[in-house]
PDB file of N, CA and C in Angstrom:
ATOM      1  N   UNK A   1     -36.403 -11.936   5.023  1.00  0.00           N
ATOM      2  CA  UNK A   1     -36.184 -11.878   3.592  1.00  0.00           C
ATOM      3  C   UNK A   1     -37.010 -12.935   2.880  1.00  0.00           C
ATOM      4  N   UNK A   2     -37.946 -13.507   3.564  1.00  0.00           N
ATOM      5  CA  UNK A   2     -38.827 -14.452   2.911  1.00  0.00           C
ATOM      6  C   UNK A   2     -38.349 -15.890   2.937  1.00  0.00           C
ATOM      7  N   UNK A   3     -37.254 -16.178   3.624  1.00  0.00           N
ATOM      8  CA  UNK A   3     -36.757 -17.545   3.701  1.00  0.00           C
ATOM      9  C   UNK A   3     -37.014 -18.098   5.101  1.00  0.00           C
ATOM     10  N   UNK A   4     -37.253 -19.382   5.158  1.00  0.00           N
ATOM     11  CA  UNK A   4     -37.472 -20.024   6.443  1.00  0.00           C
ATOM     12  C   UNK A   4     -36.151 -20.354   7.138  1.00  0.00           C
ATOM     13  N   UNK A   5     -36.250 -20.648   8.427  1.00  0.00           N
ATOM     14  CA  UNK A   5     -35.072 -20.979   9.215  1.00  0.00           C
ATOM     15  C   UNK A   5     -34.391 -22.227   8.661  1.00  0.00           C
ATOM     16  N   UNK A   6     -35.146 -23.212   8.275  1.00  0.00           N
ATOM     17  CA  UNK A   6     -34.557 -24.445   7.728  1.00  0.00           C
ATOM     18  C   UNK A   6     -33.814 -24.183   6.424  1.00  0.00           C
ATOM     19  N   UNK A   7     -34.383 -23.345   5.567  1.00  0.00           N
ATOM     20  CA  UNK A   7     -33.723 -23.012   4.299  1.00  0.00           C
ATOM     21  C   UNK A   7     -32.387 -22.327   4.536  1.00  0.00           C
ATOM     22  N   UNK A   8     -32.400 -21.372   5.445  1.00  0.00           N
ATOM     23  CA  UNK A   8     -31.172 -20.629   5.755  1.00  0.00           C
ATOM     24  C   UNK A   8     -30.129 -21.565   6.357  1.00  0.00           C
ATOM     25  N   UNK A   9     -30.557 -22.453   7.241  1.00  0.00           N
ATOM     26  CA  UNK A   9     -29.628 -23.397   7.878  1.00  0.00           C
ATOM     27  C   UNK A   9     -28.971 -24.304   6.844  1.00  0.00           C
ATOM     28  N   UNK A  10     -29.742 -24.778   5.898  1.00  0.00           N
ATOM     29  CA  UNK A  10     -29.199 -25.647   4.851  1.00  0.00           C
ATOM     30  C   UNK A  10     -28.262 -24.854   3.941  1.00  0.00           C
ATOM     31  N   UNK A  11     -28.698 -23.656   3.561  1.00  0.00           N
ATOM     32  CA  UNK A  11     -27.913 -22.826   2.638  1.00  0.00           C
ATOM     33  C   UNK A  11     -26.537 -22.474   3.188  1.00  0.00           C
ATOM     34  N   UNK A  12     -26.470 -22.096   4.475  1.00  0.00           N
ATOM     35  CA  UNK A  12     -25.210 -21.630   5.059  1.00  0.00           C
ATOM     36  C   UNK A  12     -24.489 -22.676   5.886  1.00  0.00           C
ATOM     37  N   UNK A  13     -25.118 -23.815   6.110  1.00  0.00           N
ATOM     38  CA  UNK A  13     -24.450 -24.899   6.808  1.00  0.00           C
ATOM     39  C   UNK A  13     -24.411 -24.764   8.317  1.00  0.00           C
ATOM     40  N   UNK A  14     -25.288 -23.959   8.886  1.00  0.00           N
ATOM     41  CA  UNK A  14     -25.386 -23.838  10.336  1.00  0.00           C
ATOM     42  C   UNK A  14     -26.565 -24.656  10.830  1.00  0.00           C
ATOM     43  N   UNK A  15     -26.584 -24.919  12.118  1.00  0.00           N
ATOM     44  CA  UNK A  15     -27.713 -25.666  12.670  1.00  0.00           C
ATOM     45  C   UNK A  15     -28.948 -24.767  12.740  1.00  0.00           C
ATOM     46  N   UNK A  16     -30.104 -25.415  12.786  1.00  0.00           N
ATOM     47  CA  UNK A  16     -31.353 -24.658  12.898  1.00  0.00           C
ATOM     48  C   UNK A  16     -31.373 -23.855  14.196  1.00  0.00           C
ATOM     49  N   UNK A  17     -30.808 -24.447  15.256  1.00  0.00           N
ATOM     50  CA  UNK A  17     -30.788 -23.777  16.559  1.00  0.00           C
ATOM     51  C   UNK A  17     -29.998 -22.468  16.485  1.00  0.00           C
ATOM     52  N   UNK A  18     -28.860 -22.508  15.831  1.00  0.00           N
ATOM     53  CA  UNK A  18     -28.031 -21.309  15.708  1.00  0.00           C
ATOM     54  C   UNK A  18     -28.765 -20.231  14.926  1.00  0.00           C
ATOM     55  N   UNK A  19     -29.339 -20.598  13.814  1.00  0.00           N
ATOM     56  CA  UNK A  19     -30.072 -19.627  12.990  1.00  0.00           C
ATOM     57  C   UNK A  19     -31.242 -19.052  13.784  1.00  0.00           C
ATOM     58  N   UNK A  20     -31.932 -19.909  14.497  1.00  0.00           N
ATOM     59  CA  UNK A  20     -33.072 -19.471  15.292  1.00  0.00           C
ATOM     60  C   UNK A  20     -32.652 -18.481  16.375  1.00  0.00           C
ATOM     61  N   UNK A  21     -31.541 -18.762  17.045  1.00  0.00           N
ATOM     62  CA  UNK A  21     -31.047 -17.856  18.101  1.00  0.00           C
ATOM     63  C   UNK A  21     -30.656 -16.503  17.531  1.00  0.00           C
ATOM     64  N   UNK A  22     -29.948 -16.511  16.434  1.00  0.00           N
ATOM     65  CA  UNK A  22     -29.514 -15.250  15.819  1.00  0.00           C
ATOM     66  C   UNK A  22     -30.725 -14.441  15.373  1.00  0.00           C
ATOM     67  N   UNK A  23     -31.673 -15.108  14.756  1.00  0.00           N
ATOM     68  CA  UNK A  23     -32.885 -14.432  14.296  1.00  0.00           C
ATOM     69  C   UNK A  23     -33.651 -13.835  15.479  1.00  0.00           C
ATOM     70  N   UNK A  24     -33.783 -14.618  16.531  1.00  0.00           N
ATOM     71  CA  UNK A  24     -34.507 -14.146  17.721  1.00  0.00           C
ATOM     72  C   UNK A  24     -33.790 -12.941  18.332  1.00  0.00           C
ATOM     73  N   UNK A  25     -32.472 -13.020  18.438  1.00  0.00           N
ATOM     74  CA  UNK A  25     -31.704 -11.910  19.008  1.00  0.00           C
ATOM     75  C   UNK A  25     -31.860 -10.654  18.146  1.00  0.00           C
ATOM     76  N   UNK A  26     -31.860 -10.827  16.835  1.00  0.00           N
ATOM     77  CA  UNK A  26     -32.044  -9.694  15.939  1.00  0.00           C
ATOM     78  C   UNK A  26     -33.427  -9.075  16.117  1.00  0.00           C
ATOM     79  N   UNK A  27     -34.443  -9.914  16.226  1.00  0.00           N
ATOM     80  CA  UNK A  27     -35.811  -9.409  16.408  1.00  0.00           C
ATOM     81  C   UNK A  27     -35.965  -8.668  17.730  1.00  0.00           C
ATOM     82  N   UNK A  28     -35.279  -9.154  18.786  1.00  0.00           N
ATOM     83  CA  UNK A  28     -35.402  -8.541  20.110  1.00  0.00           C
ATOM     84  C   UNK A  28     -34.607  -7.239  20.222  1.00  0.00           C
ATOM     85  N   UNK A  29     -33.340  -7.258  19.801  1.00  0.00           N
ATOM     86  CA  UNK A  29     -32.462  -6.118  20.059  1.00  0.00           C
ATOM     87  C   UNK A  29     -32.084  -5.320  18.817  1.00  0.00           C
ATOM     88  N   UNK A  30     -32.300  -5.881  17.640  1.00  0.00           N
ATOM     89  CA  UNK A  30     -31.919  -5.188  16.425  1.00  0.00           C
ATOM     90  C   UNK A  30     -30.432  -5.266  16.133  1.00  0.00           C
ATOM     91  N   UNK A  31     -29.712  -6.061  16.917  1.00  0.00           N
ATOM     92  CA  UNK A  31     -28.270  -6.201  16.739  1.00  0.00           C
ATOM     93  C   UNK A  31     -27.993  -6.988  15.468  1.00  0.00           C
ATOM     94  N   UNK A  32     -27.110  -6.450  14.623  1.00  0.00           N
ATOM     95  CA  UNK A  32     -26.825  -7.133  13.367  1.00  0.00           C
ATOM     96  C   UNK A  32     -25.378  -7.593  13.255  1.00  0.00           C
ATOM     97  N   UNK A  33     -24.501  -7.167  14.149  1.00  0.00           N
ATOM     98  CA  UNK A  33     -23.104  -7.578  14.038  1.00  0.00           C
ATOM     99  C   UNK A  33     -22.630  -8.084  15.390  1.00  0.00           C
ATOM    100  N   UNK A  34     -21.567  -8.893  15.341  1.00  0.00           N
ATOM    101  CA  UNK A  34     -21.017  -9.315  16.612  1.00  0.00           C
ATOM    102  C   UNK A  34     -19.710  -8.577  16.856  1.00  0.00           C
ATOM    103  N   UNK A  35     -19.285  -8.536  18.086  1.00  0.00           N
ATOM    104  CA  UNK A  35     -18.129  -7.733  18.454  1.00  0.00           C
ATOM    105  C   UNK A  35     -16.890  -8.586  18.664  1.00  0.00           C
ATOM    106  N   UNK A  36     -16.789  -9.724  18.017  1.00  0.00           N
ATOM    107  CA  UNK A  36     -15.647 -10.608  18.205  1.00  0.00           C
ATOM    108  C   UNK A  36     -14.362 -10.007  17.666  1.00  0.00           C
ATOM    109  N   UNK A  37     -14.467  -9.072  16.732  1.00  0.00           N
ATOM    110  CA  UNK A  37     -13.263  -8.470  16.170  1.00  0.00           C
ATOM    111  C   UNK A  37     -12.492  -7.662  17.198  1.00  0.00           C
ATOM    112  N   UNK A  38     -13.079  -7.421  18.342  1.00  0.00           N
ATOM    113  CA  UNK A  38     -12.409  -6.679  19.405  1.00  0.00           C
ATOM    114  C   UNK A  38     -11.655  -7.593  20.359  1.00  0.00           C
ATOM    115  N   UNK A  39     -11.697  -8.881  20.111  1.00  0.00           N
ATOM    116  CA  UNK A  39     -11.033  -9.825  20.989  1.00  0.00           C
ATOM    117  C   UNK A  39      -9.537  -9.851  20.709  1.00  0.00           C
ATOM    118  N   UNK A  40      -8.803 -10.331  21.678  1.00  0.00           N
ATOM    119  CA  UNK A  40      -7.373 -10.531  21.486  1.00  0.00           C
ATOM    120  C   UNK A  40      -6.538  -9.346  21.912  1.00  0.00           C
ATOM    121  N   UNK A  41      -5.245  -9.579  21.896  1.00  0.00           N
ATOM    122  CA  UNK A  41      -4.303  -8.560  22.303  1.00  0.00           C
ATOM    123  C   UNK A  41      -4.164  -7.500  21.218  1.00  0.00           C
ATOM    124  N   UNK A  42      -4.003  -6.257  21.640  1.00  0.00           N
ATOM    125  CA  UNK A  42      -3.814  -5.169  20.697  1.00  0.00           C
ATOM    126  C   UNK A  42      -2.401  -5.245  20.113  1.00  0.00           C
ATOM    127  N   UNK A  43      -2.222  -4.726  18.912  1.00  0.00           N
ATOM    128  CA  UNK A  43      -0.915  -4.713  18.289  1.00  0.00           C
ATOM    129  C   UNK A  43       0.013  -3.765  19.031  1.00  0.00           C
ATOM    130  N   UNK A  44       1.236  -4.226  19.273  1.00  0.00           N
ATOM    131  CA  UNK A  44       2.218  -3.392  19.951  1.00  0.00           C
ATOM    132  C   UNK A  44       2.728  -2.313  19.002  1.00  0.00           C
ATOM    133  N   UNK A  45       3.003  -2.714  17.773  1.00  0.00           N
ATOM    134  CA  UNK A  45       3.515  -1.770  16.783  1.00  0.00           C
ATOM    135  C   UNK A  45       2.363  -1.161  15.994  1.00  0.00           C
ATOM    136  N   UNK A  46       2.274   0.145  16.057  1.00  0.00           N
ATOM    137  CA  UNK A  46       1.241   0.862  15.334  1.00  0.00           C
ATOM    138  C   UNK A  46       1.699   1.105  13.894  1.00  0.00           C
ATOM    139  N   UNK A  47       0.843   1.707  13.089  1.00  0.00           N
ATOM    140  CA  UNK A  47       1.168   2.009  11.689  1.00  0.00           C
ATOM    141  C   UNK A  47       2.407   2.911  11.604  1.00  0.00           C
ATOM    142  N   UNK A  48       2.506   3.853  12.503  1.00  0.00           N
ATOM    143  CA  UNK A  48       3.650   4.765  12.521  1.00  0.00           C
ATOM    144  C   UNK A  48       4.955   3.993  12.754  1.00  0.00           C
ATOM    145  N   UNK A  49       4.922   3.035  13.679  1.00  0.00           N
ATOM    146  CA  UNK A  49       6.101   2.214  13.948  1.00  0.00           C
ATOM    147  C   UNK A  49       6.473   1.369  12.733  1.00  0.00           C
ATOM    148  N   UNK A  50       5.476   0.853  12.025  1.00  0.00           N
ATOM    149  CA  UNK A  50       5.743   0.052  10.838  1.00  0.00           C
ATOM    150  C   UNK A  50       6.366   0.901   9.726  1.00  0.00           C
ATOM    151  N   UNK A  51       5.927   2.147   9.584  1.00  0.00           N
ATOM    152  CA  UNK A  51       6.539   3.036   8.592  1.00  0.00           C
ATOM    153  C   UNK A  51       7.998   3.313   8.946  1.00  0.00           C
ATOM    154  N   UNK A  52       8.261   3.510  10.236  1.00  0.00           N
ATOM    155  CA  UNK A  52       9.632   3.737  10.685  1.00  0.00           C
ATOM    156  C   UNK A  52      10.499   2.508  10.439  1.00  0.00           C
ATOM    157  N   UNK A  53       9.946   1.330  10.704  1.00  0.00           N
ATOM    158  CA  UNK A  53      10.672   0.090  10.458  1.00  0.00           C
ATOM    159  C   UNK A  53      10.968  -0.064   8.963  1.00  0.00           C
ATOM    160  N   UNK A  54      10.039   0.304   8.115  1.00  0.00           N
ATOM    161  CA  UNK A  54      10.253   0.247   6.670  1.00  0.00           C
ATOM    162  C   UNK A  54      11.405   1.163   6.256  1.00  0.00           C
ATOM    163  N   UNK A  55      11.458   2.354   6.819  1.00  0.00           N
ATOM    164  CA  UNK A  55      12.556   3.277   6.503  1.00  0.00           C
ATOM    165  C   UNK A  55      13.904   2.702   6.931  1.00  0.00           C
ATOM    166  N   UNK A  56      13.941   2.082   8.114  1.00  0.00           N
ATOM    167  CA  UNK A  56      15.185   1.481   8.605  1.00  0.00           C
ATOM    168  C   UNK A  56      15.627   0.359   7.677  1.00  0.00           C
ATOM    169  N   UNK A  57      14.693  -0.464   7.238  1.00  0.00           N
ATOM    170  CA  UNK A  57      15.023  -1.585   6.355  1.00  0.00           C
ATOM    171  C   UNK A  57      15.523  -1.075   5.005  1.00  0.00           C
ATOM    172  N   UNK A  58      14.841  -0.086   4.444  1.00  0.00           N
ATOM    173  CA  UNK A  58      15.226   0.426   3.126  1.00  0.00           C
ATOM    174  C   UNK A  58      16.549   1.180   3.148  1.00  0.00           C
ATOM    175  N   UNK A  59      16.912   1.722   4.297  1.00  0.00           N
ATOM    176  CA  UNK A  59      18.174   2.433   4.411  1.00  0.00           C
ATOM    177  C   UNK A  59      19.365   1.488   4.231  1.00  0.00           C
ATOM    178  N   UNK A  60      19.248   0.272   4.795  1.00  0.00           N
ATOM    179  CA  UNK A  60      20.310  -0.729   4.646  1.00  0.00           C
ATOM    180  C   UNK A  60      19.665  -2.079   4.386  1.00  0.00           C
ATOM    181  N   UNK A  61      19.541  -2.425   3.108  1.00  0.00           N
ATOM    182  CA  UNK A  61      18.834  -3.649   2.710  1.00  0.00           C
ATOM    183  C   UNK A  61      19.551  -4.920   3.154  1.00  0.00           C
ATOM    184  N   UNK A  62      20.834  -4.845   3.436  1.00  0.00           N
ATOM    185  CA  UNK A  62      21.594  -6.030   3.800  1.00  0.00           C
ATOM    186  C   UNK A  62      21.746  -6.184   5.320  1.00  0.00           C
ATOM    187  N   UNK A  63      21.082  -5.349   6.068  1.00  0.00           N
ATOM    188  CA  UNK A  63      21.179  -5.411   7.531  1.00  0.00           C
ATOM    189  C   UNK A  63      20.550  -6.702   8.046  1.00  0.00           C
ATOM    190  N   UNK A  64      21.135  -7.228   9.100  1.00  0.00           N
ATOM    191  CA  UNK A  64      20.565  -8.424   9.711  1.00  0.00           C
ATOM    192  C   UNK A  64      19.658  -8.000  10.855  1.00  0.00           C
ATOM    193  N   UNK A  65      18.886  -8.939  11.327  1.00  0.00           N
ATOM    194  CA  UNK A  65      17.836  -8.640  12.309  1.00  0.00           C
ATOM    195  C   UNK A  65      18.340  -7.942  13.571  1.00  0.00           C
ATOM    196  N   UNK A  66      19.441  -8.364  14.197  1.00  0.00           N
ATOM    197  CA  UNK A  66      19.899  -7.647  15.399  1.00  0.00           C
ATOM    198  C   UNK A  66      20.241  -6.178  15.128  1.00  0.00           C
ATOM    199  N   UNK A  67      20.771  -5.868  13.933  1.00  0.00           N
ATOM    200  CA  UNK A  67      21.061  -4.472  13.593  1.00  0.00           C
ATOM    201  C   UNK A  67      19.766  -3.675  13.447  1.00  0.00           C
ATOM    202  N   UNK A  68      18.797  -4.268  12.786  1.00  0.00           N
ATOM    203  CA  UNK A  68      17.502  -3.602  12.609  1.00  0.00           C
ATOM    204  C   UNK A  68      16.848  -3.373  13.967  1.00  0.00           C
ATOM    205  N   UNK A  69      16.934  -4.374  14.838  1.00  0.00           N
ATOM    206  CA  UNK A  69      16.370  -4.269  16.180  1.00  0.00           C
ATOM    207  C   UNK A  69      17.029  -3.140  16.956  1.00  0.00           C
ATOM    208  N   UNK A  70      18.347  -3.054  16.900  1.00  0.00           N
ATOM    209  CA  UNK A  70      19.067  -2.002  17.615  1.00  0.00           C
ATOM    210  C   UNK A  70      18.680  -0.623  17.096  1.00  0.00           C
ATOM    211  N   UNK A  71      18.592  -0.475  15.777  1.00  0.00           N
ATOM    212  CA  UNK A  71      18.195   0.810  15.188  1.00  0.00           C
ATOM    213  C   UNK A  71      16.775   1.190  15.585  1.00  0.00           C
ATOM    214  N   UNK A  72      15.882   0.231  15.537  1.00  0.00           N
ATOM    215  CA  UNK A  72      14.475   0.523  15.850  1.00  0.00           C
ATOM    216  C   UNK A  72      14.304   0.890  17.316  1.00  0.00           C
ATOM    217  N   UNK A  73      14.918   0.125  18.204  1.00  0.00           N
ATOM    218  CA  UNK A  73      14.748   0.376  19.635  1.00  0.00           C
ATOM    219  C   UNK A  73      15.529   1.588  20.127  1.00  0.00           C
ATOM    220  N   UNK A  74      16.442   2.118  19.308  1.00  0.00           N
ATOM    221  CA  UNK A  74      17.156   3.336  19.668  1.00  0.00           C
ATOM    222  C   UNK A  74      16.288   4.574  19.447  1.00  0.00           C
ATOM    223  N   UNK A  75      15.204   4.421  18.742  1.00  0.00           N
ATOM    224  CA  UNK A  75      14.333   5.542  18.402  1.00  0.00           C
ATOM    225  C   UNK A  75      13.363   5.895  19.513  1.00  0.00           C
ATOM    226  N   UNK A  76      12.478   6.848  19.235  1.00  0.00           N
ATOM    227  CA  UNK A  76      11.571   7.382  20.247  1.00  0.00           C
ATOM    228  C   UNK A  76      10.373   6.496  20.590  1.00  0.00           C
ATOM    229  N   UNK A  77      10.067   5.496  19.770  1.00  0.00           N
ATOM    230  CA  UNK A  77       8.868   4.697  20.028  1.00  0.00           C
ATOM    231  C   UNK A  77       9.141   3.645  21.108  1.00  0.00           C
ATOM    232  N   UNK A  78       8.134   2.864  21.391  1.00  0.00           N
ATOM    233  CA  UNK A  78       8.261   1.837  22.412  1.00  0.00           C
ATOM    234  C   UNK A  78       9.262   0.775  22.000  1.00  0.00           C
ATOM    235  N   UNK A  79       9.989   0.242  22.965  1.00  0.00           N
ATOM    236  CA  UNK A  79      10.939  -0.828  22.680  1.00  0.00           C
ATOM    237  C   UNK A  79      10.169  -2.121  22.486  1.00  0.00           C
ATOM    238  N   UNK A  80      10.559  -2.869  21.467  1.00  0.00           N
ATOM    239  CA  UNK A  80       9.892  -4.127  21.183  1.00  0.00           C
ATOM    240  C   UNK A  80      10.918  -5.245  21.076  1.00  0.00           C
ATOM    241  N   UNK A  81      10.445  -6.451  21.221  1.00  0.00           N
ATOM    242  CA  UNK A  81      11.266  -7.640  21.161  1.00  0.00           C
ATOM    243  C   UNK A  81      11.729  -7.902  19.723  1.00  0.00           C
ATOM    244  N   UNK A  82      12.852  -8.607  19.586  1.00  0.00           N
ATOM    245  CA  UNK A  82      13.375  -8.966  18.268  1.00  0.00           C
ATOM    246  C   UNK A  82      12.351  -9.797  17.504  1.00  0.00           C
ATOM    247  N   UNK A  83      11.681 -10.698  18.183  1.00  0.00           N
ATOM    248  CA  UNK A  83      10.687 -11.557  17.532  1.00  0.00           C
ATOM    249  C   UNK A  83       9.515 -10.740  16.993  1.00  0.00           C
ATOM    250  N   UNK A  84       9.120  -9.685  17.701  1.00  0.00           N
ATOM    251  CA  UNK A  84       8.041  -8.816  17.237  1.00  0.00           C
ATOM    252  C   UNK A  84       8.459  -8.098  15.963  1.00  0.00           C
ATOM    253  N   UNK A  85       9.683  -7.614  15.935  1.00  0.00           N
ATOM    254  CA  UNK A  85      10.182  -6.949  14.742  1.00  0.00           C
ATOM    255  C   UNK A  85      10.245  -7.941  13.585  1.00  0.00           C
ATOM    256  N   UNK A  86      10.730  -9.142  13.851  1.00  0.00           N
ATOM    257  CA  UNK A  86      10.814 -10.167  12.809  1.00  0.00           C
ATOM    258  C   UNK A  86       9.435 -10.480  12.245  1.00  0.00           C
ATOM    259  N   UNK A  87       8.449 -10.627  13.118  1.00  0.00           N
ATOM    260  CA  UNK A  87       7.085 -10.935  12.681  1.00  0.00           C
ATOM    261  C   UNK A  87       6.526  -9.805  11.819  1.00  0.00           C
ATOM    262  N   UNK A  88       6.776  -8.563  12.203  1.00  0.00           N
ATOM    263  CA  UNK A  88       6.283  -7.428  11.428  1.00  0.00           C
ATOM    264  C   UNK A  88       6.988  -7.314  10.088  1.00  0.00           C
ATOM    265  N   UNK A  89       8.272  -7.619  10.053  1.00  0.00           N
ATOM    266  CA  UNK A  89       9.010  -7.592   8.788  1.00  0.00           C
ATOM    267  C   UNK A  89       8.409  -8.603   7.817  1.00  0.00           C
ATOM    268  N   UNK A  90       8.134  -9.789   8.305  1.00  0.00           N
ATOM    269  CA  UNK A  90       7.545 -10.827   7.455  1.00  0.00           C
ATOM    270  C   UNK A  90       6.152 -10.407   6.997  1.00  0.00           C
ATOM    271  N   UNK A  91       5.350  -9.850   7.905  1.00  0.00           N
ATOM    272  CA  UNK A  91       3.994  -9.418   7.562  1.00  0.00           C
ATOM    273  C   UNK A  91       4.000  -8.292   6.525  1.00  0.00           C
ATOM    274  N   UNK A  92       5.043  -7.448   6.560  1.00  0.00           N
ATOM    275  CA  UNK A  92       5.115  -6.349   5.605  1.00  0.00           C
ATOM    276  C   UNK A  92       5.653  -6.797   4.250  1.00  0.00           C
ATOM    277  N   UNK A  93       6.118  -8.042   4.163  1.00  0.00           N
ATOM    278  CA  UNK A  93       6.540  -8.581   2.879  1.00  0.00           C
ATOM    279  C   UNK A  93       8.020  -8.475   2.587  1.00  0.00           C
ATOM    280  N   UNK A  94       8.830  -8.159   3.576  1.00  0.00           N
ATOM    281  CA  UNK A  94      10.269  -8.039   3.361  1.00  0.00           C
ATOM    282  C   UNK A  94      11.015  -9.344   3.602  1.00  0.00           C
ATOM    283  N   UNK A  95      10.362 -10.365   4.109  1.00  0.00           N
ATOM    284  CA  UNK A  95      11.035 -11.564   4.577  1.00  0.00           C
ATOM    285  C   UNK A  95      11.745 -12.397   3.540  1.00  0.00           C
ATOM    286  N   UNK A  96      11.308 -12.417   2.305  1.00  0.00           N
ATOM    287  CA  UNK A  96      11.852 -13.341   1.319  1.00  0.00           C
ATOM    288  C   UNK A  96      12.958 -12.718   0.466  1.00  0.00           C
ATOM    289  N   UNK A  97      13.447 -11.578   0.836  1.00  0.00           N
ATOM    290  CA  UNK A  97      14.372 -10.867  -0.023  1.00  0.00           C
ATOM    291  C   UNK A  97      15.831 -11.006   0.380  1.00  0.00           C
ATOM    292  N   UNK A  98      16.168 -11.876   1.265  1.00  0.00           N
ATOM    293  CA  UNK A  98      17.572 -12.031   1.613  1.00  0.00           C
ATOM    294  C   UNK A  98      17.768 -12.383   3.077  1.00  0.00           C
ATOM    295  N   UNK A  99      18.934 -12.052   3.620  1.00  0.00           N
ATOM    296  CA  UNK A  99      19.272 -12.464   4.977  1.00  0.00           C
ATOM    297  C   UNK A  99      18.640 -11.585   6.052  1.00  0.00           C
ATOM    298  N   UNK A 100      17.592 -10.883   5.698  1.00  0.00           N
ATOM    299  CA  UNK A 100      16.994  -9.899   6.570  1.00  0.00           C
ATOM    300  C   UNK A 100      16.498 -10.473   7.896  1.00  0.00           C
ATOM    301  N   UNK A 101      15.850 -11.605   7.883  1.00  0.00           N
ATOM    302  CA  UNK A 101      15.203 -12.105   9.090  1.00  0.00           C
ATOM    303  C   UNK A 101      16.072 -13.093   9.872  1.00  0.00           C
ATOM    304  N   UNK A 102      17.279 -13.313   9.444  1.00  0.00           N
ATOM    305  CA  UNK A 102      18.113 -14.264  10.164  1.00  0.00           C
ATOM    306  C   UNK A 102      18.798 -13.579  11.338  1.00  0.00           C
ATOM    307  N   UNK A 103      18.766 -14.175  12.500  1.00  0.00           N
ATOM    308  CA  UNK A 103      19.412 -13.567  13.673  1.00  0.00           C
ATOM    309  C   UNK A 103      20.917 -13.657  13.616  1.00  0.00           C
TER     310      UNK A 103
END
């Protein structure tokens, strides 16, 4: 793009060596993205499970976590730990609305 390695390094705050390696790799292989987003453990609860959990929560807004866990694990999907359900409830934004996440 008309910029030197030193300019890019200063602009983005990376070392010259890093910029040089990335540039060289791009010139050799044409690779433009890294695959780090594929790292880590896969989510146990899929989107379908989260929708089901939302329905269970909305059915009884005053339910406590063990009740929600029992209802969810009684269904056809994979059984999950109480902590996993609690984490998903918080991630979906239901956590601050009452005694929902208390065991």
